[in-house]
Amino acid sequence: MKPTLQLKLSQHLTLTPQLQQSIKLLQLSTIELNQEIEQHLLDNPLLERDEEPSEEQRADEADMAALEEGSGDPLDTMSDWVNAGTGSSGSRGDDEESDFQAFHAAEVSLREHLDAQVSLTPLTDRDRALVRFLIEALDDDGYLTQDLEEWLSMFSEESEVELEELQIALHHLQHLDPAGVGARSPAECLALQLRVLPESDTRALALRIVNELLDVLAQRDFTRLRRTLQCSEDELRDAHQLICSLSPRPCARFASNDTRYVIPDVVIRKLRGRWTATLNPEAMPRLKVNALYAQLLQQNRGNNGDLGGQLQEAKWLIKNVQQRFDTILRVSQAIVDQQRQFFDYGEVAMRPLTLREIAEELELHESTISRVTTQKYMSTPRGVLEFKYFFGSHVATDTGGAASSTAIRALIRQLVDAEDRKKPLSDAKIADLLGQQGMVVARRTVAKYRESLNIPPVSKRKTI
């Protein structure tokens, strides 16, 4: 074929680097945003933090303070108290901060706690070494998950360790604090905790239940328990309460806590009778272009080199960060306006809400709303809540309307909390009670919501 030239006209969508950066920043959480900005600060010498708030930010803060002074709403006193507490804690000085760091560093692990007790016990060096061997074999809950015979096989023949020695070492271990450490099963763990209590008829009955009938107790078959133990209902109730006061994981307090803090992006307050969203200043990074470099670039426009591109990147980042928070504020205010009944009355007043409703109200794309509501949080008088919390499926009502699944869960929780423990409500009964309130909910839906609330089934909620 003979080569020819053809001219075609077509349209296609191209994402500019500035738009790509804007989309990326929008979906980042506050912590991820700070990490991204720190990287830009390291890579771009023309970008730096602005330690002083802008005139616009000062004006916004002054307006908000004026609104709060004229509000007088009782719920505002909560936020004032929180702010006052935060301010006072910040003025305690470096001494108390160092004290906290020293206290945090002084936390001991389970093995360190047990080893310190072993060092004080009057044992031979060989017995003390065997106890420490078993301590190293414990899991995080303080259980010995393998049989002593299996641990015995790990010793060499030259050590001449016998099973009886390991049993004696285990006996010493199980007498250490906390009570229940070194147990090989939940029943043994509970029994070890009961044995350190003062002797009584209730303790003796509880020990018999734990050692012989723990599976029957787990099934809540109280009739069978009374018949087998030949005890009265009051005696069984006291023993049951004693067992419930024990911990199946007595060593959990020694587990390391990986605490993760959430920085709310917006703060919700009721100002002059209206719930209002404001940006959290602590979550907003303040950036600016380095004035010295910018002046040098302006004086040498013809020979900027790479600095000219870095100047443009710095301006883009500042603009996109500001646009990110403007979008978050718009979306959060729209959510608050839709869910104002929740802020007044709680979860039972939550209305069904979808991303599309907010997108249509703000004339934004639904994917933009999805990015904004992911890993973003708002501080409210009812706690720090994720944006996604305010969206949920709906359940039909008899009047043709809809109720939020969050409201249904809150009602289920209220019904279970108010039920008669001797005759707890079944899922079918809860569905009937919700139907009497005009909410059409199937039994399997009630079961699904109940499980999401970590509420056990009716057979495990029954008491004597």
Protein backbone atom coordinates (compact mmCIF):
# COMPACT_ATOMS: atom_id res chain seq x y z
CA MET A 1 0.00 0.00 0.00
CA LYS A 2 1.08 3.51 -0.73
CA PRO A 3 1.76 5.57 2.41
CA THR A 4 -0.59 8.53 2.84
CA LEU A 5 -1.19 11.32 5.33
CA GLN A 6 -4.56 11.58 7.11
CA LEU A 7 -5.88 14.34 9.37
CA LYS A 8 -8.24 13.28 12.19
CA LEU A 9 -10.02 15.36 14.83
CA SER A 10 -10.82 13.62 18.15
CA GLN A 11 -11.41 14.44 21.81
CA HIS A 12 -9.90 12.72 24.82
CA LEU A 13 -9.55 13.48 28.51
CA THR A 14 -6.08 14.17 29.87
CA LEU A 15 -5.29 14.55 33.56
CA THR A 16 -2.75 17.29 34.08
CA PRO A 17 -0.13 16.84 36.80
CA GLN A 18 -1.89 19.52 38.86
CA LEU A 19 -5.23 17.68 38.64
CA GLN A 20 -3.57 14.36 39.48
CA GLN A 21 -2.02 15.92 42.58
CA SER A 22 -5.36 17.43 43.59
CA ILE A 23 -7.09 14.04 43.38
CA LYS A 24 -4.28 12.36 45.31
CA LEU A 25 -4.35 14.91 48.15
CA LEU A 26 -8.12 14.71 48.42
CA GLN A 27 -8.16 11.00 49.25
CA LEU A 28 -5.31 11.13 51.78
CA SER A 29 -5.98 11.06 55.50
CA THR A 30 -4.63 13.85 57.70
CA ILE A 31 -1.61 11.79 58.76
CA GLU A 32 -0.87 10.75 55.18
CA LEU A 33 -1.25 14.37 54.04
CA ASN A 34 1.32 15.53 56.59
CA GLN A 35 3.72 12.81 55.43
CA GLU A 36 3.23 13.89 51.81
CA ILE A 37 3.86 17.53 52.68
CA GLU A 38 6.98 16.67 54.67
CA GLN A 39 8.37 14.95 51.58
CA HIS A 40 7.63 18.02 49.45
CA LEU A 41 9.32 20.25 52.03
CA LEU A 42 12.45 18.10 51.81
CA ASP A 43 12.47 17.99 48.01
CA ASN A 44 11.49 21.58 47.20
CA PRO A 45 13.60 24.43 48.69
CA LEU A 46 11.02 27.03 47.60
CA LEU A 47 8.37 25.53 49.85
CA GLU A 48 8.30 26.17 53.60
CA ARG A 49 5.88 26.20 56.51
CA ASP A 50 4.06 29.37 57.43
CA GLU A 51 4.25 29.63 61.19
CA GLU A 52 2.04 32.72 61.31
CA PRO A 53 -1.69 32.39 60.44
CA SER A 54 -2.91 34.41 57.48
CA GLU A 55 -5.19 37.42 57.79
CA GLU A 56 -8.06 35.33 56.46
CA GLN A 57 -7.48 32.65 59.08
CA ARG A 58 -7.33 35.29 61.84
CA ALA A 59 -10.61 36.75 60.60
CA ASP A 60 -12.26 33.32 60.55
CA GLU A 61 -11.10 32.59 64.09
CA ALA A 62 -12.34 35.99 65.28
CA ASP A 63 -15.75 35.43 63.65
CA MET A 64 -16.01 31.97 65.21
CA ALA A 65 -15.14 33.36 68.64
CA ALA A 66 -17.80 36.03 68.27
CA LEU A 67 -20.38 33.43 67.28
CA GLU A 68 -19.50 31.23 70.24
CA GLU A 69 -19.83 34.15 72.67
CA GLY A 70 -23.32 34.87 71.38
CA SER A 71 -24.40 31.27 71.12
CA GLY A 72 -25.18 30.26 74.67
CA ASP A 73 -26.16 26.75 73.61
CA PRO A 74 -25.66 24.22 76.44
CA LEU A 75 -23.89 21.77 74.14
CA ASP A 76 -21.25 24.39 73.38
CA THR A 77 -20.04 24.20 76.97
CA MET A 78 -18.73 20.72 76.21
CA SER A 79 -16.43 21.95 73.46
CA ASP A 80 -15.39 24.91 75.64
CA TRP A 81 -14.52 22.51 78.45
CA VAL A 82 -12.54 20.30 76.04
CA ASN A 83 -10.69 23.30 74.65
CA ALA A 84 -9.96 24.55 78.14
CA GLY A 85 -8.68 21.14 79.18
CA THR A 86 -6.46 20.98 76.12
CA GLY A 87 -5.06 24.39 76.84
CA SER A 88 -4.30 23.60 80.45
CA SER A 89 -2.58 20.35 79.57
CA GLY A 90 -0.41 22.20 77.07
CA SER A 91 0.84 24.56 79.76
CA ARG A 92 2.03 21.96 82.20
CA GLY A 93 5.58 22.23 81.01
CA ASP A 94 8.31 19.85 80.03
CA ASP A 95 8.55 18.26 83.48
CA GLU A 96 5.20 16.48 83.31
CA GLU A 97 5.84 15.50 79.69
CA SER A 98 9.13 13.90 80.70
CA ASP A 99 7.31 12.20 83.60
CA PHE A 100 4.84 10.70 81.17
CA GLN A 101 7.64 9.52 78.90
CA ALA A 102 9.40 7.96 81.88
CA PHE A 103 6.18 6.25 82.95
CA HIS A 104 5.59 4.98 79.42
CA ALA A 105 9.15 3.66 79.25
CA ALA A 106 8.73 1.99 82.66
CA GLU A 107 5.93 -0.30 81.47
CA VAL A 108 6.99 -3.92 81.92
CA SER A 109 6.04 -6.94 79.88
CA LEU A 110 4.46 -10.11 81.24
CA ARG A 111 7.75 -11.99 81.15
CA GLU A 112 9.58 -9.22 82.99
CA HIS A 113 6.83 -9.11 85.61
CA LEU A 114 7.01 -12.87 86.19
CA ASP A 115 10.80 -13.00 86.07
CA ALA A 116 11.01 -10.39 88.84
CA GLN A 117 8.82 -12.59 91.05
CA VAL A 118 10.84 -15.70 90.28
CA SER A 119 14.00 -13.90 91.38
CA LEU A 120 12.47 -13.44 94.84
CA THR A 121 11.26 -17.01 95.33
CA PRO A 122 13.33 -19.43 97.47
CA LEU A 123 14.07 -21.92 94.68
CA THR A 124 17.19 -23.69 93.58
CA ASP A 125 18.95 -22.41 90.49
CA ARG A 126 17.76 -25.46 88.52
CA ASP A 127 14.10 -25.01 89.52
CA ARG A 128 14.30 -21.26 88.85
CA ALA A 129 15.71 -21.96 85.39
CA LEU A 130 12.86 -24.38 84.62
CA VAL A 131 10.24 -21.85 85.72
CA ARG A 132 11.83 -19.24 83.47
CA PHE A 133 11.80 -21.73 80.63
CA LEU A 134 8.04 -22.13 81.04
CA ILE A 135 7.63 -18.35 81.26
CA GLU A 136 9.21 -18.02 77.83
CA ALA A 137 6.77 -20.62 76.53
CA LEU A 138 3.68 -18.60 77.52
CA ASP A 139 1.57 -16.86 74.90
CA ASP A 140 0.47 -13.23 75.18
CA ASP A 141 -2.56 -14.20 77.31
CA GLY A 142 -0.43 -16.15 79.79
CA TYR A 143 -1.49 -19.61 78.60
CA LEU A 144 0.77 -22.62 78.17
CA THR A 145 -0.53 -23.90 74.84
CA GLN A 146 1.56 -27.08 74.59
CA ASP A 147 1.70 -30.12 76.85
CA LEU A 148 4.58 -30.56 79.25
CA GLU A 149 5.55 -33.76 77.41
CA GLU A 150 6.18 -31.75 74.26
CA TRP A 151 8.35 -29.25 76.12
CA LEU A 152 10.21 -32.10 77.81
CA SER A 153 11.24 -33.46 74.40
CA MET A 154 13.11 -30.20 73.70
CA PHE A 155 15.64 -30.84 76.45
CA SER A 156 18.76 -32.79 75.65
CA GLU A 157 19.51 -36.07 77.39
CA GLU A 158 22.52 -34.49 79.12
CA SER A 159 20.24 -32.06 81.00
CA GLU A 160 18.43 -35.02 82.64
CA VAL A 161 15.19 -33.07 83.04
CA GLU A 162 12.26 -35.21 84.12
CA LEU A 163 8.53 -34.64 83.68
CA GLU A 164 8.04 -34.39 87.43
CA GLU A 165 10.47 -31.44 87.54
CA LEU A 166 8.50 -29.61 84.86
CA GLN A 167 5.27 -30.27 86.75
CA ILE A 168 6.82 -28.76 89.90
CA ALA A 169 8.04 -25.74 87.87
CA LEU A 170 4.53 -25.30 86.45
CA HIS A 171 3.13 -25.45 89.98
CA HIS A 172 5.44 -22.59 91.02
CA LEU A 173 4.53 -20.62 87.88
CA GLN A 174 0.81 -20.94 88.53
CA HIS A 175 1.26 -19.44 91.98
CA LEU A 176 2.67 -16.19 90.58
CA ASP A 177 0.79 -12.97 89.93
CA PRO A 178 -1.51 -12.51 88.06
CA ALA A 179 -3.68 -15.41 89.16
CA GLY A 180 -4.41 -17.70 86.24
CA VAL A 181 -1.02 -17.45 84.57
CA GLY A 182 0.39 -20.75 83.31
CA ALA A 183 -3.04 -22.27 82.70
CA ARG A 184 -3.43 -24.81 79.90
CA SER A 185 -7.14 -24.21 79.31
CA PRO A 186 -9.79 -21.59 80.12
CA ALA A 187 -11.25 -23.89 82.78
CA GLU A 188 -7.89 -24.24 84.52
CA CYS A 189 -7.36 -20.46 84.27
CA LEU A 190 -10.67 -19.75 86.02
CA ALA A 191 -9.99 -22.44 88.61
CA LEU A 192 -6.60 -20.91 89.46
CA GLN A 193 -8.27 -17.56 90.04
CA LEU A 194 -10.95 -19.12 92.24
CA ARG A 195 -8.41 -20.92 94.42
CA VAL A 196 -6.80 -17.67 95.54
CA LEU A 197 -10.14 -16.38 96.84
CA PRO A 198 -11.27 -16.93 100.45
CA GLU A 199 -13.03 -20.22 101.06
CA SER A 200 -16.83 -20.14 100.91
CA ASP A 201 -19.75 -22.25 99.74
CA THR A 202 -20.09 -20.03 96.66
CA ARG A 203 -16.44 -20.51 95.76
CA ALA A 204 -16.72 -24.28 96.17
CA LEU A 205 -19.79 -24.38 93.93
CA ALA A 206 -18.08 -22.16 91.35
CA LEU A 207 -15.01 -24.42 91.37
CA ARG A 208 -17.18 -27.46 90.70
CA ILE A 209 -18.89 -25.72 87.79
CA VAL A 210 -15.57 -24.62 86.28
CA ASN A 211 -13.95 -28.04 86.65
CA GLU A 212 -16.89 -30.24 85.64
CA LEU A 213 -19.70 -28.29 84.00
CA LEU A 214 -18.19 -25.30 82.22
CA ASP A 215 -19.60 -26.41 78.85
CA VAL A 216 -23.09 -26.63 80.38
CA LEU A 217 -22.69 -23.12 81.79
CA ALA A 218 -21.61 -21.88 78.36
CA GLN A 219 -24.86 -23.29 76.95
CA ARG A 220 -26.84 -21.39 79.60
CA ASP A 221 -28.61 -24.59 80.60
CA PHE A 222 -29.33 -23.47 84.16
CA THR A 223 -32.00 -26.08 84.73
CA ARG A 224 -29.50 -28.87 84.09
CA LEU A 225 -26.94 -27.14 86.32
CA ARG A 226 -29.35 -26.93 89.26
CA ARG A 227 -30.38 -30.56 88.80
CA THR A 228 -26.77 -31.80 88.57
CA LEU A 229 -25.40 -29.66 91.39
CA GLN A 230 -28.53 -30.05 93.55
CA CYS A 231 -28.41 -26.41 94.57
CA SER A 232 -30.95 -23.61 94.84
CA GLU A 233 -31.46 -20.88 92.26
CA ASP A 234 -29.92 -18.27 94.56
CA GLU A 235 -26.82 -20.39 95.16
CA LEU A 236 -26.40 -20.96 91.42
CA ARG A 237 -26.86 -17.26 90.73
CA ASP A 238 -24.15 -16.32 93.24
CA ALA A 239 -21.73 -18.87 91.78
CA HIS A 240 -22.52 -17.68 88.27
CA GLN A 241 -21.84 -14.06 89.22
CA LEU A 242 -18.55 -15.07 90.83
CA ILE A 243 -17.43 -16.88 87.67
CA CYS A 244 -18.44 -13.91 85.52
CA SER A 245 -16.25 -11.65 87.68
CA LEU A 246 -13.15 -13.65 86.66
CA SER A 247 -11.06 -12.97 83.56
CA PRO A 248 -10.31 -15.65 80.95
CA ARG A 249 -7.35 -13.48 79.86
CA PRO A 250 -5.77 -12.32 83.13
CA CYS A 251 -2.50 -11.32 81.45
CA ALA A 252 -4.06 -9.11 78.79
CA ARG A 253 -3.10 -5.96 80.71
CA PHE A 254 0.57 -6.68 79.97
CA ALA A 255 -0.01 -6.73 76.21
CA SER A 256 1.57 -3.86 74.33
CA ASN A 257 -0.98 -1.28 73.23
CA ASP A 258 -0.55 0.12 69.73
CA THR A 259 -2.57 3.28 70.24
CA ARG A 260 -3.43 5.18 67.11
CA TYR A 261 -4.71 8.71 67.42
CA VAL A 262 -7.16 10.34 65.05
CA ILE A 263 -6.90 14.01 64.13
CA PRO A 264 -10.37 15.32 63.23
CA ASP A 265 -10.50 17.35 60.04
CA VAL A 266 -13.52 19.41 61.08
CA VAL A 267 -15.20 20.40 64.33
CA ILE A 268 -19.00 20.46 64.68
CA ARG A 269 -20.58 23.03 67.01
CA LYS A 270 -24.07 24.40 67.46
CA LEU A 271 -23.86 28.14 66.84
CA ARG A 272 -26.96 30.33 67.11
CA GLY A 273 -29.24 27.32 66.86
CA ARG A 274 -27.56 25.79 63.78
CA TRP A 275 -25.07 22.95 63.61
CA THR A 276 -21.98 24.34 61.89
CA ALA A 277 -18.83 22.66 60.58
CA THR A 278 -15.49 24.44 60.87
CA LEU A 279 -12.04 23.29 59.84
CA ASN A 280 -9.75 22.06 62.59
CA PRO A 281 -6.71 24.40 62.65
CA GLU A 282 -4.56 21.60 64.05
CA ALA A 283 -5.16 19.52 60.92
CA MET A 284 -4.44 22.30 58.42
CA PRO A 285 -0.79 22.63 57.33
CA ARG A 286 0.22 26.23 56.64
CA LEU A 287 2.52 26.51 53.65
CA LYS A 288 4.08 29.38 51.73
CA VAL A 289 6.65 30.08 49.05
CA ASN A 290 10.08 31.08 50.32
CA ALA A 291 10.16 34.86 49.84
CA LEU A 292 13.93 35.09 49.29
CA TYR A 293 14.00 32.45 46.53
CA ALA A 294 10.91 33.94 44.91
CA GLN A 295 12.54 37.37 44.82
CA LEU A 296 15.73 35.97 43.29
CA LEU A 297 13.73 34.19 40.60
CA GLN A 298 11.86 37.36 39.79
CA GLN A 299 15.11 39.27 39.39
CA ASN A 300 16.62 36.57 37.14
CA ARG A 301 13.69 35.53 34.99
CA GLY A 302 15.83 34.48 32.07
CA ASN A 303 18.03 32.08 33.98
CA ASN A 304 15.79 30.22 36.44
CA GLY A 305 16.80 26.65 35.64
CA ASP A 306 15.11 23.98 37.77
CA LEU A 307 14.02 26.54 40.36
CA GLY A 308 11.35 27.84 38.04
CA GLY A 309 9.69 24.44 37.89
CA GLN A 310 9.98 24.02 41.66
CA LEU A 311 8.34 27.41 42.15
CA GLN A 312 5.38 26.30 40.05
CA GLU A 313 5.17 22.99 41.95
CA ALA A 314 5.14 24.84 45.27
CA LYS A 315 2.28 27.09 44.11
CA TRP A 316 0.35 24.06 42.86
CA LEU A 317 0.75 22.25 46.18
CA ILE A 318 -0.38 25.26 48.22
CA LYS A 319 -3.41 25.74 45.99
CA ASN A 320 -4.35 22.04 46.01
CA VAL A 321 -4.03 21.77 49.80
CA GLN A 322 -6.33 24.76 50.22
CA GLN A 323 -8.78 23.30 47.69
CA ARG A 324 -8.72 19.98 49.56
CA PHE A 325 -9.82 21.59 52.82
CA ASP A 326 -12.41 23.76 51.09
CA THR A 327 -13.98 20.63 49.59
CA ILE A 328 -13.86 18.80 52.94
CA LEU A 329 -15.61 21.75 54.62
CA ARG A 330 -18.36 21.87 51.96
CA VAL A 331 -19.01 18.13 52.18
CA SER A 332 -18.98 18.07 55.98
CA GLN A 333 -21.43 20.97 56.20
CA ALA A 334 -23.74 19.22 53.73
CA ILE A 335 -23.60 16.05 55.85
CA VAL A 336 -24.34 18.01 59.03
CA ASP A 337 -27.31 19.72 57.39
CA GLN A 338 -28.72 16.35 56.31
CA GLN A 339 -28.13 14.70 59.69
CA ARG A 340 -28.99 17.57 62.05
CA GLN A 341 -31.57 15.33 63.79
CA PHE A 342 -28.75 12.96 64.74
CA PHE A 343 -26.82 15.74 66.46
CA ASP A 344 -29.95 16.73 68.40
CA TYR A 345 -31.35 13.31 69.35
CA GLY A 346 -28.67 10.66 68.71
CA GLU A 347 -28.44 7.50 66.62
CA VAL A 348 -32.16 6.73 66.67
CA ALA A 349 -32.72 9.92 64.62
CA MET A 350 -30.16 9.08 61.92
CA ARG A 351 -31.69 9.31 58.45
CA PRO A 352 -30.62 7.22 55.45
CA LEU A 353 -28.07 9.05 53.31
CA THR A 354 -26.12 8.16 50.17
CA LEU A 355 -23.07 9.64 48.50
CA ARG A 356 -25.14 10.52 45.47
CA GLU A 357 -27.41 12.82 47.51
CA ILE A 358 -24.44 14.85 48.73
CA ALA A 359 -22.90 14.85 45.24
CA GLU A 360 -26.08 16.21 43.68
CA GLU A 361 -26.49 18.84 46.38
CA LEU A 362 -22.92 20.15 45.94
CA GLU A 363 -22.81 19.51 42.16
CA LEU A 364 -19.74 17.30 42.52
CA HIS A 365 -19.01 13.84 41.18
CA GLU A 366 -19.89 10.91 43.39
CA SER A 367 -16.27 9.68 43.25
CA THR A 368 -15.17 13.02 44.71
CA ILE A 369 -17.54 12.59 47.65
CA SER A 370 -16.22 9.06 48.14
CA ARG A 371 -12.63 10.36 48.33
CA VAL A 372 -13.59 13.13 50.74
CA THR A 373 -15.44 10.81 53.13
CA THR A 374 -12.68 8.17 53.29
CA GLN A 375 -10.42 8.38 56.37
CA LYS A 376 -11.77 11.82 57.27
CA TYR A 377 -13.14 12.52 60.75
CA MET A 378 -15.23 15.15 62.47
CA SER A 379 -15.22 16.04 66.14
CA THR A 380 -18.79 16.29 67.44
CA PRO A 381 -20.44 16.54 70.88
CA ARG A 382 -21.28 12.84 70.37
CA GLY A 383 -17.69 11.78 69.74
CA VAL A 384 -15.14 11.72 66.93
CA LEU A 385 -16.87 10.09 63.97
CA GLU A 386 -15.75 9.19 60.48
CA PHE A 387 -17.58 10.84 57.59
CA LYS A 388 -18.60 7.37 56.35
CA TYR A 389 -20.52 6.85 59.60
CA PHE A 390 -23.28 9.17 58.41
CA PHE A 391 -23.98 7.13 55.28
CA GLY A 392 -25.89 3.87 55.33
CA SER A 393 -28.54 1.68 53.82
CA HIS A 394 -32.22 2.22 54.51
CA VAL A 395 -35.10 0.09 55.77
CA ALA A 396 -38.66 0.62 54.57
CA THR A 397 -41.38 1.82 56.93
CA ASP A 398 -45.13 1.26 56.92
CA THR A 399 -45.73 4.86 55.91
CA GLY A 400 -43.70 4.46 52.72
CA GLY A 401 -40.64 6.25 54.08
CA ALA A 402 -37.25 4.89 55.05
CA ALA A 403 -35.24 4.48 58.24
CA SER A 404 -31.46 4.40 58.49
CA SER A 405 -29.74 1.12 59.33
CA THR A 406 -27.83 3.04 62.02
CA ALA A 407 -31.13 4.01 63.65
CA ILE A 408 -32.31 0.39 63.46
CA ARG A 409 -29.13 -0.77 65.21
CA ALA A 410 -29.63 1.83 67.93
CA LEU A 411 -33.20 0.64 68.50
CA ILE A 412 -32.05 -2.99 68.66
CA ARG A 413 -29.46 -2.01 71.25
CA GLN A 414 -32.12 -0.22 73.30
CA LEU A 415 -34.47 -3.20 73.16
CA VAL A 416 -31.76 -5.63 74.25
CA ASP A 417 -30.59 -3.36 77.08
CA ALA A 418 -34.16 -3.12 78.41
CA GLU A 419 -35.07 -6.81 78.04
CA ASP A 420 -35.77 -9.22 80.88
CA ARG A 421 -32.57 -11.24 81.28
CA LYS A 422 -34.54 -14.28 82.35
CA LYS A 423 -36.58 -14.12 79.14
CA PRO A 424 -34.40 -12.35 76.55
CA LEU A 425 -35.84 -11.25 73.22
CA SER A 426 -35.38 -13.50 70.22
CA ASP A 427 -34.55 -12.06 66.80
CA ALA A 428 -38.11 -12.73 65.66
CA LYS A 429 -39.52 -10.91 68.70
CA ILE A 430 -37.24 -7.92 68.06
CA ALA A 431 -38.43 -7.84 64.45
CA ASP A 432 -42.05 -7.82 65.70
CA LEU A 433 -41.33 -4.96 68.12
CA LEU A 434 -39.67 -2.95 65.35
CA GLY A 435 -42.69 -3.67 63.16
CA GLN A 436 -44.95 -2.21 65.86
CA GLN A 437 -42.94 1.00 65.48
CA GLY A 438 -43.57 0.99 61.74
CA MET A 439 -40.22 -0.46 60.61
CA VAL A 440 -40.36 -3.49 58.33
CA VAL A 441 -37.32 -5.57 59.29
CA ALA A 442 -36.87 -9.26 58.56
CA ARG A 443 -35.63 -11.63 61.27
CA ARG A 444 -32.40 -12.39 59.36
CA THR A 445 -31.77 -8.63 59.08
CA VAL A 446 -32.17 -8.28 62.84
CA ALA A 447 -29.70 -11.14 63.30
CA LYS A 448 -27.20 -9.42 60.98
CA TYR A 449 -27.49 -6.09 62.81
CA ARG A 450 -27.31 -7.82 66.20
CA GLU A 451 -24.07 -9.57 65.23
CA SER A 452 -22.59 -6.29 63.97
CA LEU A 453 -23.29 -4.84 67.44
CA ASN A 454 -21.49 -7.82 69.09
CA ILE A 455 -24.70 -8.80 70.88
CA PRO A 456 -24.78 -12.56 71.58
CA PRO A 457 -27.80 -14.64 70.53
CA VAL A 458 -30.78 -15.16 72.82
CA SER A 459 -29.46 -18.46 74.19
CA LYS A 460 -26.28 -16.79 75.48
CA ARG A 461 -28.02 -13.73 76.94
CA LYS A 462 -30.24 -15.75 79.27
CA THR A 463 -29.49 -15.52 82.99
CA ILE A 464 -31.06 -16.98 86.13
